């Protein structure tokens, strides 16, 4: 009987320590006309983002993470390659950043006809409050913006940071 009680208490404590991840608004770095030129399909983007949210939720559900809020930024190239950055405050451990990167790499992205499509989703970990930061800007972006010819060109910025 004691073993059963201990097992129940252990499982309850594990559930209580799981991270709660929630998502909110999207941020699009490119205008609607540019998205149309890139052939972004709203339905396929919706399926992709729901799958992405579900996989991230499952990955964090198994862990205890300090409360954090911000954005997950996703870039999708026309060749189907993907990349991700986190813009979270406070920063989450590199382990979780890598988990999200792996999830983004494994999910089939929506089709992009030309160039790079870049968007972000607000994300909150173990907090009911989402970031008030209006524009996502991962930690390595400000320095990269200083090195490119047009800091307002999101595709040039992303390509300058995308490892080959």
N, C-alpha and C. Protein backbone atom coordinates (compact mmCIF):
# COMPACT_ATOMS: atom_id res chain seq x y z
N UNK A 1 0.81 -1.20 0.00
CA UNK A 1 0.00 0.00 0.00
C UNK A 1 0.86 1.26 0.00
N UNK A 2 1.95 1.22 0.77
CA UNK A 2 2.85 2.37 0.82
C UNK A 2 3.47 2.65 -0.55
N UNK A 3 3.82 1.57 -1.26
CA UNK A 3 4.41 1.74 -2.59
C UNK A 3 3.44 2.40 -3.54
N UNK A 4 2.17 2.02 -3.45
CA UNK A 4 1.15 2.61 -4.30
C UNK A 4 0.98 4.09 -3.98
N UNK A 5 0.93 4.43 -2.71
CA UNK A 5 0.82 5.82 -2.30
C UNK A 5 2.03 6.63 -2.76
N UNK A 6 3.22 6.05 -2.61
CA UNK A 6 4.44 6.74 -3.05
C UNK A 6 4.44 6.96 -4.56
N UNK A 7 3.98 5.97 -5.31
CA UNK A 7 3.92 6.11 -6.77
C UNK A 7 2.93 7.20 -7.18
N UNK A 8 1.78 7.26 -6.53
CA UNK A 8 0.78 8.28 -6.83
C UNK A 8 1.33 9.68 -6.52
N UNK A 9 1.95 9.82 -5.35
CA UNK A 9 2.52 11.12 -4.97
C UNK A 9 3.64 11.54 -5.93
N UNK A 10 4.46 10.59 -6.35
CA UNK A 10 5.53 10.89 -7.29
C UNK A 10 4.97 11.34 -8.63
N UNK A 11 3.93 10.66 -9.11
CA UNK A 11 3.35 11.05 -10.40
C UNK A 11 2.67 12.41 -10.31
N UNK A 12 2.04 12.71 -9.19
CA UNK A 12 1.42 14.02 -9.02
C UNK A 12 2.47 15.13 -8.95
N UNK A 13 3.59 14.86 -8.30
CA UNK A 13 4.63 15.89 -8.23
C UNK A 13 5.26 16.10 -9.60
N UNK A 14 5.34 15.05 -10.40
CA UNK A 14 5.87 15.19 -11.76
C UNK A 14 4.93 16.03 -12.59
N UNK A 15 3.64 15.81 -12.48
CA UNK A 15 2.68 16.60 -13.23
C UNK A 15 2.69 18.06 -12.79
N UNK A 16 2.87 18.29 -11.51
CA UNK A 16 2.85 19.66 -11.00
C UNK A 16 4.07 20.45 -11.48
N UNK A 17 5.16 19.75 -11.79
CA UNK A 17 6.36 20.48 -12.18
C UNK A 17 6.50 20.66 -13.69
N UNK A 18 5.57 20.13 -14.46
CA UNK A 18 5.66 20.25 -15.91
C UNK A 18 5.45 21.70 -16.34
N UNK A 19 6.20 22.10 -17.36
CA UNK A 19 6.09 23.46 -17.87
C UNK A 19 4.82 23.64 -18.68
N UNK A 20 4.16 24.76 -18.50
CA UNK A 20 2.96 25.10 -19.25
C UNK A 20 3.34 26.11 -20.32
N UNK A 21 3.23 25.70 -21.58
CA UNK A 21 3.60 26.57 -22.69
C UNK A 21 2.34 27.00 -23.42
N UNK A 22 2.22 28.31 -23.64
CA UNK A 22 1.06 28.85 -24.37
C UNK A 22 1.55 29.75 -25.49
N UNK A 23 0.71 29.87 -26.51
CA UNK A 23 1.05 30.69 -27.68
C UNK A 23 -0.04 31.73 -27.89
N UNK A 24 0.34 32.83 -28.51
CA UNK A 24 -0.62 33.90 -28.76
C UNK A 24 -0.42 34.42 -30.18
N UNK A 25 -0.35 35.70 -30.35
CA UNK A 25 -0.36 36.37 -31.65
C UNK A 25 0.86 36.05 -32.50
N UNK A 26 0.68 36.23 -33.79
CA UNK A 26 1.76 36.07 -34.77
C UNK A 26 2.30 37.45 -35.14
N UNK A 27 3.57 37.47 -35.53
CA UNK A 27 4.18 38.68 -36.06
C UNK A 27 4.77 38.30 -37.42
N UNK A 28 4.39 39.04 -38.46
CA UNK A 28 4.92 38.81 -39.79
C UNK A 28 5.92 39.92 -40.12
N UNK A 29 7.13 39.52 -40.48
CA UNK A 29 8.19 40.48 -40.77
C UNK A 29 8.04 41.09 -42.16
N UNK A 30 7.22 40.47 -43.01
CA UNK A 30 7.05 40.94 -44.38
C UNK A 30 5.60 41.38 -44.59
N UNK A 31 5.41 42.26 -45.54
CA UNK A 31 4.07 42.78 -45.83
C UNK A 31 3.19 41.71 -46.47
N UNK A 32 1.90 41.96 -46.47
CA UNK A 32 0.96 41.02 -47.07
C UNK A 32 1.23 40.82 -48.55
N UNK A 33 1.60 41.89 -49.26
CA UNK A 33 1.88 41.75 -50.70
C UNK A 33 3.12 40.87 -50.93
N UNK A 34 4.12 40.99 -50.07
CA UNK A 34 5.31 40.15 -50.19
C UNK A 34 4.95 38.69 -49.90
N UNK A 35 4.10 38.47 -48.91
CA UNK A 35 3.68 37.10 -48.58
C UNK A 35 2.92 36.48 -49.75
N UNK A 36 2.12 37.28 -50.44
CA UNK A 36 1.40 36.79 -51.62
C UNK A 36 2.38 36.44 -52.72
N UNK A 37 3.41 37.26 -52.92
CA UNK A 37 4.43 36.97 -53.93
C UNK A 37 5.17 35.67 -53.60
N UNK A 38 5.34 35.41 -52.33
CA UNK A 38 6.03 34.20 -51.89
C UNK A 38 5.12 32.99 -51.93
N UNK A 39 3.82 33.21 -52.20
CA UNK A 39 2.87 32.10 -52.31
C UNK A 39 2.51 31.46 -50.99
N UNK A 40 2.53 32.24 -49.92
CA UNK A 40 2.20 31.71 -48.60
C UNK A 40 0.70 31.39 -48.57
N UNK A 41 0.39 30.13 -48.32
CA UNK A 41 -0.98 29.66 -48.23
C UNK A 41 -1.40 29.68 -46.77
N UNK A 42 -2.47 30.39 -46.47
CA UNK A 42 -2.92 30.57 -45.09
C UNK A 42 -3.29 29.23 -44.45
N UNK A 43 -3.93 28.36 -45.20
CA UNK A 43 -4.34 27.06 -44.64
C UNK A 43 -3.13 26.20 -44.28
N UNK A 44 -2.15 26.11 -45.18
CA UNK A 44 -0.97 25.29 -44.88
C UNK A 44 -0.13 25.92 -43.76
N UNK A 45 -0.09 27.25 -43.72
CA UNK A 45 0.61 27.92 -42.62
C UNK A 45 -0.09 27.64 -41.30
N UNK A 46 -1.41 27.64 -41.31
CA UNK A 46 -2.17 27.34 -40.09
C UNK A 46 -1.91 25.93 -39.59
N UNK A 47 -1.91 24.95 -40.51
CA UNK A 47 -1.62 23.57 -40.11
C UNK A 47 -0.20 23.45 -39.56
N UNK A 48 0.73 24.13 -40.22
CA UNK A 48 2.13 24.09 -39.77
C UNK A 48 2.28 24.68 -38.37
N UNK A 49 1.70 25.85 -38.14
CA UNK A 49 1.86 26.50 -36.83
C UNK A 49 1.16 25.71 -35.72
N UNK A 50 0.01 25.10 -36.02
CA UNK A 50 -0.65 24.27 -35.01
C UNK A 50 0.21 23.05 -34.66
N UNK A 51 0.80 22.41 -35.67
CA UNK A 51 1.69 21.28 -35.42
C UNK A 51 2.91 21.72 -34.63
N UNK A 52 3.46 22.87 -34.99
CA UNK A 52 4.62 23.42 -34.30
C UNK A 52 4.30 23.68 -32.82
N UNK A 53 3.17 24.33 -32.58
CA UNK A 53 2.76 24.61 -31.20
C UNK A 53 2.56 23.32 -30.41
N UNK A 54 1.94 22.34 -31.02
CA UNK A 54 1.69 21.06 -30.36
C UNK A 54 3.00 20.36 -29.99
N UNK A 55 3.94 20.34 -30.92
CA UNK A 55 5.22 19.67 -30.66
C UNK A 55 6.03 20.40 -29.58
N UNK A 56 6.02 21.72 -29.61
CA UNK A 56 6.73 22.48 -28.58
C UNK A 56 6.08 22.26 -27.22
N UNK A 57 4.76 22.27 -27.19
CA UNK A 57 4.04 22.02 -25.93
C UNK A 57 4.43 20.66 -25.36
N UNK A 58 4.45 19.63 -26.21
CA UNK A 58 4.80 18.27 -25.76
C UNK A 58 6.24 18.22 -25.25
N UNK A 59 7.15 18.90 -25.91
CA UNK A 59 8.55 18.89 -25.49
C UNK A 59 8.73 19.55 -24.13
N UNK A 60 8.05 20.66 -23.90
CA UNK A 60 8.19 21.38 -22.64
C UNK A 60 7.38 20.74 -21.52
N UNK A 61 6.36 19.99 -21.87
CA UNK A 61 5.48 19.35 -20.90
C UNK A 61 6.27 18.39 -20.00
N UNK A 62 7.37 17.88 -20.52
CA UNK A 62 8.17 16.90 -19.79
C UNK A 62 9.19 17.55 -18.87
N UNK A 63 9.25 18.88 -18.83
CA UNK A 63 10.34 19.57 -18.13
C UNK A 63 9.81 20.66 -17.21
N UNK A 64 10.66 21.06 -16.31
CA UNK A 64 10.40 22.22 -15.47
C UNK A 64 11.29 23.36 -15.97
N UNK A 65 10.66 24.45 -16.35
CA UNK A 65 11.38 25.59 -16.91
C UNK A 65 10.97 26.84 -16.16
N UNK A 66 11.92 27.73 -15.93
CA UNK A 66 11.61 29.00 -15.27
C UNK A 66 10.66 29.80 -16.15
N UNK A 67 9.75 30.56 -15.55
CA UNK A 67 8.84 31.40 -16.34
C UNK A 67 9.60 32.32 -17.30
N UNK A 68 9.09 32.40 -18.52
CA UNK A 68 9.72 33.22 -19.55
C UNK A 68 8.66 33.60 -20.57
N UNK A 69 8.87 34.72 -21.22
CA UNK A 69 7.92 35.17 -22.23
C UNK A 69 8.66 35.84 -23.38
N UNK A 70 8.11 35.72 -24.56
CA UNK A 70 8.75 36.32 -25.73
C UNK A 70 8.22 35.74 -27.02
N UNK A 71 9.14 35.44 -27.94
CA UNK A 71 8.78 34.95 -29.27
C UNK A 71 9.63 33.76 -29.68
N UNK A 72 9.05 32.90 -30.49
CA UNK A 72 9.82 31.94 -31.27
C UNK A 72 9.73 32.44 -32.71
N UNK A 73 10.89 32.64 -33.34
CA UNK A 73 10.98 33.19 -34.69
C UNK A 73 11.35 32.05 -35.64
N UNK A 74 10.62 31.95 -36.75
CA UNK A 74 10.83 30.88 -37.73
C UNK A 74 11.11 31.49 -39.10
N UNK A 75 12.12 30.96 -39.78
CA UNK A 75 12.43 31.35 -41.16
C UNK A 75 12.33 30.10 -42.03
N UNK A 76 11.67 30.25 -43.19
CA UNK A 76 11.50 29.14 -44.12
C UNK A 76 11.99 29.60 -45.49
N UNK A 77 12.97 28.89 -46.04
CA UNK A 77 13.49 29.21 -47.37
C UNK A 77 12.67 28.49 -48.43
N UNK A 78 12.79 28.96 -49.66
CA UNK A 78 12.05 28.36 -50.78
C UNK A 78 12.49 26.92 -51.06
N UNK A 79 13.69 26.54 -50.61
CA UNK A 79 14.14 25.16 -50.80
C UNK A 79 13.65 24.23 -49.68
N UNK A 80 12.82 24.76 -48.76
CA UNK A 80 12.25 23.96 -47.69
C UNK A 80 13.08 23.92 -46.42
N UNK A 81 14.25 24.53 -46.42
CA UNK A 81 15.08 24.59 -45.22
C UNK A 81 14.45 25.54 -44.21
N UNK A 82 14.61 25.23 -42.94
CA UNK A 82 14.04 26.05 -41.87
C UNK A 82 15.10 26.38 -40.83
N UNK A 83 14.85 27.46 -40.10
CA UNK A 83 15.73 27.87 -39.01
C UNK A 83 14.87 28.56 -37.96
N UNK A 84 15.33 28.56 -36.72
CA UNK A 84 14.55 29.21 -35.66
C UNK A 84 15.47 29.93 -34.67
N UNK A 85 14.88 30.93 -34.03
CA UNK A 85 15.54 31.68 -32.97
C UNK A 85 14.52 31.88 -31.86
N UNK A 86 15.01 32.01 -30.64
CA UNK A 86 14.15 32.39 -29.52
C UNK A 86 14.49 33.81 -29.10
N UNK A 87 13.47 34.56 -28.75
CA UNK A 87 13.61 35.90 -28.19
C UNK A 87 12.78 35.89 -26.91
N UNK A 88 13.36 35.35 -25.85
CA UNK A 88 12.64 35.15 -24.60
C UNK A 88 13.30 35.92 -23.46
N UNK A 89 12.47 36.40 -22.53
CA UNK A 89 12.96 37.10 -21.35
C UNK A 89 12.32 36.50 -20.11
N UNK A 90 13.09 36.00 -19.17
CA UNK A 90 14.52 35.75 -19.29
C UNK A 90 14.79 34.64 -20.31
N UNK A 91 16.04 34.59 -20.78
CA UNK A 91 16.41 33.59 -21.77
C UNK A 91 16.18 32.19 -21.20
N UNK A 92 15.72 31.29 -22.05
CA UNK A 92 15.58 29.90 -21.62
C UNK A 92 16.92 29.20 -21.86
N UNK A 93 17.12 28.12 -21.16
CA UNK A 93 18.37 27.38 -21.29
C UNK A 93 18.56 26.92 -22.73
N UNK A 94 19.81 26.86 -23.15
CA UNK A 94 20.16 26.46 -24.51
C UNK A 94 19.57 25.09 -24.88
N UNK A 95 19.41 24.21 -23.91
CA UNK A 95 18.81 22.89 -24.15
C UNK A 95 17.43 23.03 -24.78
N UNK A 96 16.61 23.94 -24.24
CA UNK A 96 15.25 24.12 -24.75
C UNK A 96 15.25 24.84 -26.09
N UNK A 97 16.18 25.76 -26.28
CA UNK A 97 16.35 26.41 -27.58
C UNK A 97 16.65 25.35 -28.63
N UNK A 98 17.54 24.42 -28.30
CA UNK A 98 17.89 23.33 -29.22
C UNK A 98 16.71 22.40 -29.48
N UNK A 99 15.90 22.16 -28.46
CA UNK A 99 14.72 21.32 -28.65
C UNK A 99 13.77 21.95 -29.67
N UNK A 100 13.54 23.24 -29.55
CA UNK A 100 12.66 23.94 -30.49
C UNK A 100 13.27 23.91 -31.89
N UNK A 101 14.57 24.15 -31.97
CA UNK A 101 15.26 24.09 -33.27
C UNK A 101 15.06 22.72 -33.92
N UNK A 102 15.22 21.64 -33.13
CA UNK A 102 15.03 20.29 -33.66
C UNK A 102 13.60 20.06 -34.14
N UNK A 103 12.63 20.57 -33.40
CA UNK A 103 11.23 20.44 -33.80
C UNK A 103 11.00 21.15 -35.12
N UNK A 104 11.52 22.37 -35.24
CA UNK A 104 11.36 23.15 -36.47
C UNK A 104 12.01 22.41 -37.65
N UNK A 105 13.16 21.79 -37.42
CA UNK A 105 13.85 21.06 -38.49
C UNK A 105 13.07 19.84 -38.96
N UNK A 106 12.35 19.18 -38.06
CA UNK A 106 11.66 17.93 -38.40
C UNK A 106 10.29 18.14 -39.04
N UNK A 107 9.64 19.25 -38.76
CA UNK A 107 8.29 19.48 -39.31
C UNK A 107 8.38 19.94 -40.76
N UNK A 108 7.59 19.34 -41.64
CA UNK A 108 7.57 19.82 -43.02
C UNK A 108 6.94 21.22 -43.08
N UNK A 109 7.68 22.20 -43.60
CA UNK A 109 7.17 23.58 -43.61
C UNK A 109 6.21 23.81 -44.79
N UNK A 110 5.44 24.88 -44.72
CA UNK A 110 4.62 25.25 -45.88
C UNK A 110 5.52 25.68 -47.04
N UNK A 111 5.00 25.58 -48.24
CA UNK A 111 5.77 25.96 -49.43
C UNK A 111 5.99 27.46 -49.49
N UNK A 112 7.19 27.84 -49.90
CA UNK A 112 7.55 29.23 -50.16
C UNK A 112 8.09 29.26 -51.59
N UNK A 113 7.47 30.07 -52.45
CA UNK A 113 7.87 30.11 -53.88
C UNK A 113 9.25 30.69 -54.09
N UNK A 114 9.53 31.82 -53.44
CA UNK A 114 10.82 32.49 -53.64
C UNK A 114 11.32 33.07 -52.33
N UNK A 115 12.63 33.13 -52.20
CA UNK A 115 13.23 33.80 -51.05
C UNK A 115 12.98 33.11 -49.73
N UNK A 116 12.77 33.94 -48.71
CA UNK A 116 12.61 33.46 -47.34
C UNK A 116 11.36 34.10 -46.73
N UNK A 117 10.58 33.29 -46.05
CA UNK A 117 9.41 33.74 -45.30
C UNK A 117 9.78 33.72 -43.82
N UNK A 118 9.56 34.83 -43.12
CA UNK A 118 9.94 34.93 -41.72
C UNK A 118 8.74 35.40 -40.90
N UNK A 119 8.45 34.68 -39.81
CA UNK A 119 7.37 35.06 -38.92
C UNK A 119 7.73 34.65 -37.49
N UNK A 120 6.95 35.14 -36.55
CA UNK A 120 7.17 34.81 -35.14
C UNK A 120 5.84 34.55 -34.46
N UNK A 121 5.89 33.76 -33.40
CA UNK A 121 4.72 33.51 -32.56
C UNK A 121 5.08 33.92 -31.13
N UNK A 122 4.15 34.60 -30.48
CA UNK A 122 4.36 34.90 -29.06
C UNK A 122 4.27 33.59 -28.29
N UNK A 123 5.15 33.45 -27.29
CA UNK A 123 5.18 32.24 -26.49
C UNK A 123 5.39 32.63 -25.03
N UNK A 124 4.65 31.96 -24.15
CA UNK A 124 4.81 32.18 -22.71
C UNK A 124 5.00 30.82 -22.04
N UNK A 125 5.99 30.75 -21.18
CA UNK A 125 6.29 29.51 -20.46
C UNK A 125 6.02 29.76 -18.98
N UNK A 126 5.11 28.99 -18.43
CA UNK A 126 4.77 29.05 -17.00
C UNK A 126 4.41 30.45 -16.50
N UNK A 127 3.76 31.22 -17.35
CA UNK A 127 3.24 32.53 -16.96
C UNK A 127 2.00 32.83 -17.80
N UNK A 128 1.00 33.46 -17.20
CA UNK A 128 -0.20 33.80 -17.96
C UNK A 128 -0.01 35.07 -18.80
N UNK A 129 1.09 35.76 -18.62
CA UNK A 129 1.33 37.04 -19.28
C UNK A 129 2.21 36.84 -20.50
N UNK A 130 1.81 37.40 -21.64
CA UNK A 130 2.63 37.38 -22.85
C UNK A 130 3.48 38.64 -22.91
N UNK A 131 4.53 38.59 -23.69
CA UNK A 131 5.42 39.74 -23.83
C UNK A 131 4.66 40.95 -24.37
N UNK A 132 5.09 42.11 -23.96
CA UNK A 132 4.53 43.36 -24.50
C UNK A 132 5.45 43.94 -25.57
N UNK A 133 6.55 43.26 -25.80
CA UNK A 133 7.51 43.67 -26.82
C UNK A 133 6.83 43.60 -28.18
N UNK A 134 6.74 44.71 -28.91
CA UNK A 134 5.96 44.71 -30.16
C UNK A 134 6.63 43.99 -31.32
N UNK A 135 7.97 43.95 -31.35
CA UNK A 135 8.68 43.35 -32.48
C UNK A 135 9.73 42.37 -31.94
N UNK A 136 9.72 41.15 -32.43
CA UNK A 136 10.73 40.19 -32.00
C UNK A 136 12.12 40.59 -32.47
N UNK A 137 13.11 40.39 -31.62
CA UNK A 137 14.49 40.66 -32.00
C UNK A 137 15.41 39.75 -31.18
N UNK A 138 15.67 38.53 -31.71
CA UNK A 138 16.57 37.61 -31.01
C UNK A 138 17.92 38.25 -30.71
N UNK A 139 18.61 37.72 -29.74
CA UNK A 139 19.84 38.32 -29.20
C UNK A 139 20.91 38.63 -30.24
N UNK A 140 21.07 37.76 -31.25
CA UNK A 140 22.14 37.99 -32.22
C UNK A 140 21.73 38.89 -33.38
N UNK A 141 20.49 39.34 -33.42
CA UNK A 141 20.03 40.17 -34.55
C UNK A 141 20.58 41.59 -34.54
N UNK A 142 20.63 42.31 -33.41
CA UNK A 142 21.13 43.70 -33.46
C UNK A 142 22.55 43.81 -34.03
N UNK A 143 23.45 42.93 -33.61
CA UNK A 143 24.82 42.98 -34.12
C UNK A 143 24.85 42.64 -35.62
N UNK A 144 24.02 41.68 -36.03
CA UNK A 144 23.98 41.29 -37.44
C UNK A 144 23.42 42.42 -38.31
N UNK A 145 22.46 43.18 -37.78
CA UNK A 145 21.88 44.30 -38.53
C UNK A 145 22.94 45.36 -38.85
N UNK A 146 23.90 45.52 -37.96
CA UNK A 146 24.95 46.52 -38.17
C UNK A 146 25.91 46.12 -39.28
N UNK A 147 25.95 44.83 -39.61
CA UNK A 147 26.91 44.33 -40.58
C UNK A 147 26.35 44.21 -42.00
N UNK A 148 25.03 44.38 -42.16
CA UNK A 148 24.44 44.21 -43.49
C UNK A 148 24.13 45.56 -44.12
N UNK A 149 23.97 45.57 -45.44
CA UNK A 149 23.77 46.83 -46.15
C UNK A 149 22.41 47.47 -45.86
N UNK A 150 21.36 46.67 -45.69
CA UNK A 150 20.04 47.22 -45.41
C UNK A 150 19.47 46.52 -44.17
N UNK A 151 19.60 47.13 -42.99
CA UNK A 151 19.14 46.49 -41.76
C UNK A 151 17.63 46.24 -41.70
N UNK A 152 16.86 46.87 -42.60
CA UNK A 152 15.42 46.65 -42.62
C UNK A 152 15.01 45.48 -43.53
N UNK A 153 15.97 44.90 -44.23
CA UNK A 153 15.68 43.78 -45.12
C UNK A 153 15.79 42.47 -44.33
N UNK A 154 14.64 41.90 -43.99
CA UNK A 154 14.61 40.71 -43.13
C UNK A 154 15.28 39.51 -43.80
N UNK A 155 15.14 39.39 -45.12
CA UNK A 155 15.77 38.26 -45.81
C UNK A 155 17.29 38.36 -45.76
N UNK A 156 17.83 39.56 -45.96
CA UNK A 156 19.27 39.75 -45.88
C UNK A 156 19.77 39.48 -44.46
N UNK A 157 19.00 39.92 -43.47
CA UNK A 157 19.37 39.69 -42.08
C UNK A 157 19.39 38.19 -41.78
N UNK A 158 18.33 37.51 -42.15
CA UNK A 158 18.25 36.07 -41.87
C UNK A 158 19.37 35.31 -42.57
N UNK A 159 19.65 35.64 -43.84
CA UNK A 159 20.71 34.96 -44.57
C UNK A 159 22.09 35.22 -43.94
N UNK A 160 22.27 36.39 -43.35
CA UNK A 160 23.55 36.69 -42.71
C UNK A 160 23.76 35.85 -41.45
N UNK A 161 22.68 35.36 -40.87
CA UNK A 161 22.77 34.56 -39.66
C UNK A 161 22.60 33.06 -39.89
N UNK A 162 22.14 32.69 -41.06
CA UNK A 162 21.84 31.29 -41.36
C UNK A 162 23.13 30.55 -41.62
N UNK A 163 23.45 29.56 -40.80
CA UNK A 163 24.69 28.80 -41.04
C UNK A 163 24.55 27.94 -42.29
N UNK A 164 25.61 27.84 -43.05
CA UNK A 164 25.59 27.00 -44.26
C UNK A 164 26.02 25.59 -43.96
